[in-house]
Amino acid sequence: MSRRINMIIYKTEAEIALMKEAALLVSKTLTEVAKVLKPGMTTMQIDKLCGDFVKDHKAVPSFYNYRGYPYNVCASVNDVVVHGFPNDVPLKDGDIVSVDMGVILNGWHGDHAYTFILGETDAEIIQLVKVTKESLYKGIEKAIVNNRVGDISFAIQEHAEKKHGYGVVRELVGHGLGRNLHEDPQVPNYGKRGNGPKMKENLVLAIEPMINLGTREVYTEDDGWTVRTQDGKAACHFEHDVCVKRGQALILSDYSIIEAAEKANPNLNTSYYN
């Protein structure tokens, strides 16, 4: 059985194995998006593709009807930070699209996100995507036994905000993950080293930097979900499912298969890999 300590739920090795299956299904679904994404496609088409793929693999989309959310995925375009509603507006060359989704497989949640660049766009947008992805891995490096959650937060903020001058969103945070989509502890993308709960082995976290090209200030639209940058500049979002271990964190999700499909798709811009 899982052990509950101060509301933080530590998983067994058997449970971690099941969570990895759920996380990998999200990765495989996002890979399907990477294969076909192109200008002219709509985010509603992405939503249907993801929902069908998840159901075909005997799983349930986590987000659908979660607290009333009406879609399978969050599809956030350009200045939408997170929680963007899929719609029928065709995507265009130069757009950046964050696809965030979760699944429930065998009673466990997987939940992560990836930002894609369609075609040619400004160098400053490409750099934002590069740095946001880098900041995710800077945070993951700190997800080890006896570190504190604030060490993850500090590493992300240090790279994205202090080194590169981007706006790190304060209102939205990463979180624990397990049988519930959101568990303790919260994982902010800003903070001080040595603050927050001390992490023990087999704590699973969804670490997810949400980084803005300009100001960190955001607002929520009247739909109660869509979060946009206050200044209308672009935002970027990456998220991995991570298990705290001794010495080095175990990443349960898999970007390598998404990246391979992304590189093979001539409609997507991967120039920041170089």
Protein backbone atom coordinates (compact mmCIF):
# COMPACT_ATOMS: atom_id res chain seq x y z
CA MET A 1 0.00 0.00 0.00
CA SER A 2 1.06 3.59 -0.54
CA ARG A 3 2.18 5.44 2.57
CA ARG A 4 0.69 8.85 3.34
CA ILE A 5 3.07 11.18 5.19
CA ASN A 6 2.00 14.78 5.80
CA MET A 7 -0.46 14.47 2.88
CA ILE A 8 2.42 13.51 0.54
CA ILE A 9 1.89 10.04 -0.91
CA TYR A 10 4.99 7.95 -1.58
CA LYS A 11 4.57 5.14 -4.09
CA THR A 12 5.81 1.56 -4.05
CA GLU A 13 8.05 0.23 -6.83
CA ALA A 14 5.08 -1.67 -8.26
CA GLU A 15 3.02 1.51 -8.31
CA ILE A 16 5.86 3.43 -9.97
CA ALA A 17 5.90 0.81 -12.74
CA LEU A 18 2.18 1.35 -13.33
CA MET A 19 2.62 5.12 -13.29
CA LYS A 20 5.36 4.81 -15.90
CA GLU A 21 2.91 2.97 -18.18
CA ALA A 22 0.43 5.83 -17.80
CA ALA A 23 3.12 8.46 -18.40
CA LEU A 24 4.37 6.65 -21.50
CA LEU A 25 0.87 6.52 -22.93
CA VAL A 26 0.76 10.32 -22.72
CA SER A 27 4.15 10.44 -24.46
CA LYS A 28 2.92 8.12 -27.20
CA THR A 29 -0.20 10.23 -27.67
CA LEU A 30 1.83 13.44 -27.98
CA THR A 31 4.03 11.60 -30.47
CA GLU A 32 0.95 11.04 -32.63
CA VAL A 33 0.37 14.80 -32.52
CA ALA A 34 4.00 15.43 -33.51
CA LYS A 35 3.60 13.20 -36.55
CA VAL A 36 0.70 15.12 -38.09
CA LEU A 37 0.74 18.66 -36.71
CA LYS A 38 0.88 21.31 -39.44
CA PRO A 39 -0.49 24.73 -40.39
CA GLY A 40 -4.19 24.49 -41.26
CA MET A 41 -4.87 21.86 -38.61
CA THR A 42 -7.10 22.90 -35.70
CA THR A 43 -6.66 22.31 -32.01
CA MET A 44 -10.07 20.62 -32.01
CA GLN A 45 -8.61 18.05 -34.40
CA ILE A 46 -5.72 17.57 -31.95
CA ASP A 47 -8.24 17.06 -29.15
CA LYS A 48 -10.10 14.37 -31.09
CA LEU A 49 -6.88 12.62 -32.16
CA CYS A 50 -5.67 12.46 -28.55
CA GLY A 51 -9.01 11.37 -27.12
CA ASP A 52 -9.40 8.58 -29.68
CA PHE A 53 -5.80 7.37 -29.25
CA VAL A 54 -6.12 7.20 -25.46
CA LYS A 55 -9.43 5.33 -25.61
CA ASP A 56 -8.02 2.92 -28.21
CA HIS A 57 -5.35 2.05 -25.63
CA LYS A 58 -7.91 1.17 -22.95
CA ALA A 59 -7.35 4.35 -20.96
CA VAL A 60 -9.39 7.41 -20.03
CA PRO A 61 -8.45 11.06 -20.71
CA SER A 62 -7.77 12.60 -17.28
CA PHE A 63 -8.79 16.12 -18.15
CA TYR A 64 -12.22 15.46 -19.63
CA ASN A 65 -14.84 16.63 -17.09
CA TYR A 66 -12.12 17.27 -14.48
CA ARG A 67 -13.65 20.08 -12.42
CA GLY A 68 -15.91 20.67 -15.41
CA TYR A 69 -13.17 20.96 -18.04
CA PRO A 70 -14.94 20.13 -21.32
CA TYR A 71 -12.11 18.70 -23.49
CA ASN A 72 -9.54 15.91 -23.62
CA VAL A 73 -6.50 18.18 -23.83
CA CYS A 74 -5.44 21.73 -23.13
CA ALA A 75 -4.22 23.30 -26.37
CA SER A 76 -2.56 26.64 -25.67
CA VAL A 77 -1.52 28.76 -28.66
CA ASN A 78 0.94 31.69 -28.61
CA ASP A 79 0.00 33.99 -25.70
CA VAL A 80 -2.12 31.33 -23.97
CA VAL A 81 -0.02 30.02 -21.09
CA VAL A 82 -2.11 26.97 -20.15
CA HIS A 83 -5.65 25.54 -20.13
CA GLY A 84 -6.47 26.69 -23.65
CA PHE A 85 -9.75 25.34 -25.01
CA PRO A 86 -9.43 23.43 -28.30
CA ASN A 87 -11.23 25.24 -31.12
CA ASP A 88 -11.80 25.25 -34.88
CA VAL A 89 -9.41 28.09 -35.72
CA PRO A 90 -6.78 26.81 -38.19
CA LEU A 91 -3.22 26.96 -36.86
CA LYS A 92 -0.83 29.02 -38.94
CA ASP A 93 2.84 29.15 -39.75
CA GLY A 94 4.74 30.70 -36.84
CA ASP A 95 2.33 29.59 -34.11
CA ILE A 96 3.59 27.80 -31.02
CA VAL A 97 1.24 25.25 -29.49
CA SER A 98 1.45 23.67 -26.06
CA VAL A 99 -0.47 20.40 -25.84
CA ASP A 100 -1.05 19.35 -22.22
CA MET A 101 -2.88 16.13 -21.47
CA GLY A 102 -3.37 13.36 -18.96
CA VAL A 103 -4.58 9.78 -18.93
CA ILE A 104 -5.86 7.34 -16.35
CA LEU A 105 -4.47 3.86 -16.97
CA ASN A 106 -4.95 1.03 -14.47
CA GLY A 107 -6.07 3.60 -11.89
CA TRP A 108 -2.97 5.81 -12.20
CA HIS A 109 -2.47 9.20 -13.83
CA GLY A 110 0.08 10.30 -16.38
CA ASP A 111 0.18 14.05 -17.08
CA HIS A 112 2.61 16.02 -19.20
CA ALA A 113 2.93 18.68 -21.85
CA TYR A 114 5.00 19.60 -24.88
CA THR A 115 5.28 22.82 -26.90
CA PHE A 116 5.56 22.63 -30.69
CA ILE A 117 6.68 25.34 -33.13
CA LEU A 118 4.90 25.41 -36.48
CA GLY A 119 7.12 26.50 -39.34
CA GLU A 120 9.19 29.67 -39.24
CA THR A 121 8.87 32.09 -36.37
CA ASP A 122 10.88 34.83 -34.67
CA ALA A 123 14.24 33.94 -33.18
CA GLU A 124 13.06 35.19 -29.78
CA ILE A 125 10.20 32.64 -29.80
CA ILE A 126 12.55 29.80 -30.71
CA GLN A 127 14.85 30.85 -27.87
CA LEU A 128 11.92 30.94 -25.41
CA VAL A 129 11.00 27.35 -26.29
CA LYS A 130 14.63 26.23 -25.97
CA VAL A 131 15.14 27.87 -22.58
CA THR A 132 11.81 26.65 -21.19
CA LYS A 133 12.69 23.06 -22.06
CA GLU A 134 16.16 23.56 -20.56
CA SER A 135 14.63 24.94 -17.36
CA LEU A 136 12.49 21.81 -17.02
CA TYR A 137 15.59 19.64 -16.98
CA LYS A 138 17.35 22.02 -14.58
CA GLY A 139 14.46 21.43 -12.19
CA ILE A 140 14.45 17.66 -12.72
CA GLU A 141 18.14 17.52 -11.77
CA LYS A 142 17.14 18.66 -8.28
CA ALA A 143 14.38 16.04 -7.81
CA ILE A 144 16.52 13.75 -5.68
CA VAL A 145 16.26 12.30 -2.19
CA ASN A 146 16.93 14.77 0.66
CA ASN A 147 16.59 17.85 -1.56
CA ARG A 148 13.64 20.13 -0.96
CA VAL A 149 10.91 21.16 -3.37
CA GLY A 150 12.31 24.69 -3.30
CA ASP A 151 15.51 23.40 -4.88
CA ILE A 152 13.52 22.43 -7.99
CA SER A 153 11.73 25.78 -7.96
CA PHE A 154 14.96 27.75 -7.59
CA ALA A 155 16.69 25.88 -10.43
CA ILE A 156 13.85 26.64 -12.86
CA GLN A 157 13.63 30.31 -11.87
CA GLU A 158 17.41 30.74 -11.92
CA HIS A 159 17.63 29.52 -15.52
CA ALA A 160 14.51 31.06 -17.04
CA GLU A 161 14.20 34.33 -15.14
CA LYS A 162 17.55 35.27 -13.67
CA LYS A 163 19.73 34.00 -16.53
CA HIS A 164 17.46 34.74 -19.50
CA GLY A 165 15.08 37.43 -18.23
CA TYR A 166 11.79 35.66 -18.94
CA GLY A 167 8.63 35.92 -16.85
CA VAL A 168 8.07 32.90 -14.60
CA VAL A 169 4.36 32.49 -13.92
CA ARG A 170 3.53 32.53 -10.20
CA GLU A 171 -0.19 31.65 -10.23
CA LEU A 172 0.22 28.13 -11.63
CA VAL A 173 2.46 25.38 -10.31
CA GLY A 174 3.53 21.77 -10.76
CA HIS A 175 2.24 19.13 -8.40
CA GLY A 176 2.35 15.63 -7.03
CA LEU A 177 0.80 12.90 -9.14
CA GLY A 178 -0.65 9.46 -8.47
CA ARG A 179 -4.13 8.01 -8.21
CA ASN A 180 -5.22 11.65 -8.24
CA LEU A 181 -4.36 14.12 -10.97
CA HIS A 182 -3.24 16.69 -8.40
CA GLU A 183 -1.58 15.62 -5.16
CA ASP A 184 0.72 17.26 -2.64
CA PRO A 185 3.18 18.85 -2.78
CA GLN A 186 2.78 21.87 -5.01
CA VAL A 187 5.90 22.54 -7.10
CA PRO A 188 6.26 26.26 -7.94
CA ASN A 189 8.57 27.34 -10.74
CA TYR A 190 10.08 30.02 -8.51
CA GLY A 191 11.41 29.98 -4.98
CA LYS A 192 14.37 29.62 -2.66
CA ARG A 193 16.80 26.76 -2.27
CA GLY A 194 16.26 24.81 0.92
CA ASN A 195 12.57 25.75 1.21
CA GLY A 196 9.56 23.47 1.07
CA PRO A 197 9.06 19.79 1.93
CA LYS A 198 12.08 17.50 1.95
CA MET A 199 11.72 14.90 -0.80
CA LYS A 200 11.94 11.19 -0.11
CA GLU A 201 12.27 8.29 -2.50
CA ASN A 202 9.32 7.46 -4.78
CA LEU A 203 7.59 10.79 -4.59
CA VAL A 204 6.16 11.38 -8.09
CA LEU A 205 5.95 14.96 -9.35
CA ALA A 206 4.63 16.67 -12.46
CA ILE A 207 7.27 19.35 -12.96
CA GLU A 208 6.05 21.99 -15.42
CA PRO A 209 7.69 25.33 -16.08
CA MET A 210 5.30 27.90 -17.54
CA ILE A 211 7.48 30.67 -18.90
CA ASN A 212 6.51 33.95 -20.60
CA LEU A 213 8.52 35.89 -23.16
CA GLY A 214 7.60 39.15 -21.45
CA THR A 215 5.94 39.90 -18.13
CA ARG A 216 5.12 37.10 -15.70
CA GLU A 217 1.66 38.62 -15.20
CA VAL A 218 -1.29 36.60 -16.50
CA TYR A 219 -5.08 36.74 -16.51
CA THR A 220 -7.87 34.18 -16.87
CA GLU A 221 -10.51 34.60 -19.54
CA ASP A 222 -14.25 34.59 -18.83
CA ASP A 223 -14.43 30.84 -19.61
CA GLY A 224 -12.75 30.32 -16.23
CA TRP A 225 -9.91 28.27 -17.72
CA THR A 226 -7.88 29.96 -20.46
CA VAL A 227 -4.84 31.71 -18.96
CA ARG A 228 -3.14 34.35 -21.12
CA THR A 229 -0.11 36.57 -20.72
CA GLN A 230 -1.01 40.08 -19.61
CA ASP A 231 1.10 41.70 -22.32
CA GLY A 232 0.00 39.43 -25.18
CA LYS A 233 3.49 38.04 -25.72
CA ALA A 234 4.14 34.33 -26.21
CA ALA A 235 4.26 31.74 -23.44
CA CYS A 236 5.77 28.27 -23.34
CA HIS A 237 5.00 25.16 -21.29
CA PHE A 238 6.80 21.84 -20.90
CA GLU A 239 5.99 19.12 -18.34
CA HIS A 240 7.50 15.77 -17.35
CA ASP A 241 6.40 13.12 -14.86
CA VAL A 242 9.32 12.53 -12.51
CA CYS A 243 10.02 10.08 -9.68
CA VAL A 244 12.35 11.22 -6.90
CA LYS A 245 15.30 8.83 -6.49
CA ARG A 246 18.71 8.82 -4.84
CA GLY A 247 21.38 10.51 -6.90
CA GLN A 248 19.34 11.00 -10.08
CA ALA A 249 15.62 11.48 -10.74
CA LEU A 250 13.75 8.88 -12.79
CA ILE A 251 11.79 10.48 -15.65
CA LEU A 252 8.66 8.40 -16.22
CA SER A 253 7.53 10.15 -19.40
CA ASP A 254 9.55 10.06 -22.64
CA TYR A 255 10.31 13.07 -24.82
CA SER A 256 12.66 11.13 -27.10
CA ILE A 257 9.81 9.58 -29.10
CA ILE A 258 8.05 12.95 -29.40
CA GLU A 259 11.27 14.62 -30.52
CA ALA A 260 11.96 11.93 -33.14
CA ALA A 261 8.50 12.46 -34.66
CA GLU A 262 8.91 16.23 -34.40
CA LYS A 263 12.22 16.14 -36.30
CA ALA A 264 10.68 13.93 -38.99
CA ASN A 265 7.77 16.34 -39.54
CA PRO A 266 8.84 19.06 -42.03
CA ASN A 267 6.03 21.33 -40.78
CA LEU A 268 7.58 21.62 -37.31
CA ASN A 269 10.56 23.77 -36.36
CA THR A 270 13.28 22.00 -34.39
CA SER A 271 16.07 24.45 -35.13
CA TYR A 272 16.63 25.08 -31.43
CA TYR A 273 18.05 21.56 -31.10
CA ASN A 274 21.13 22.65 -33.05
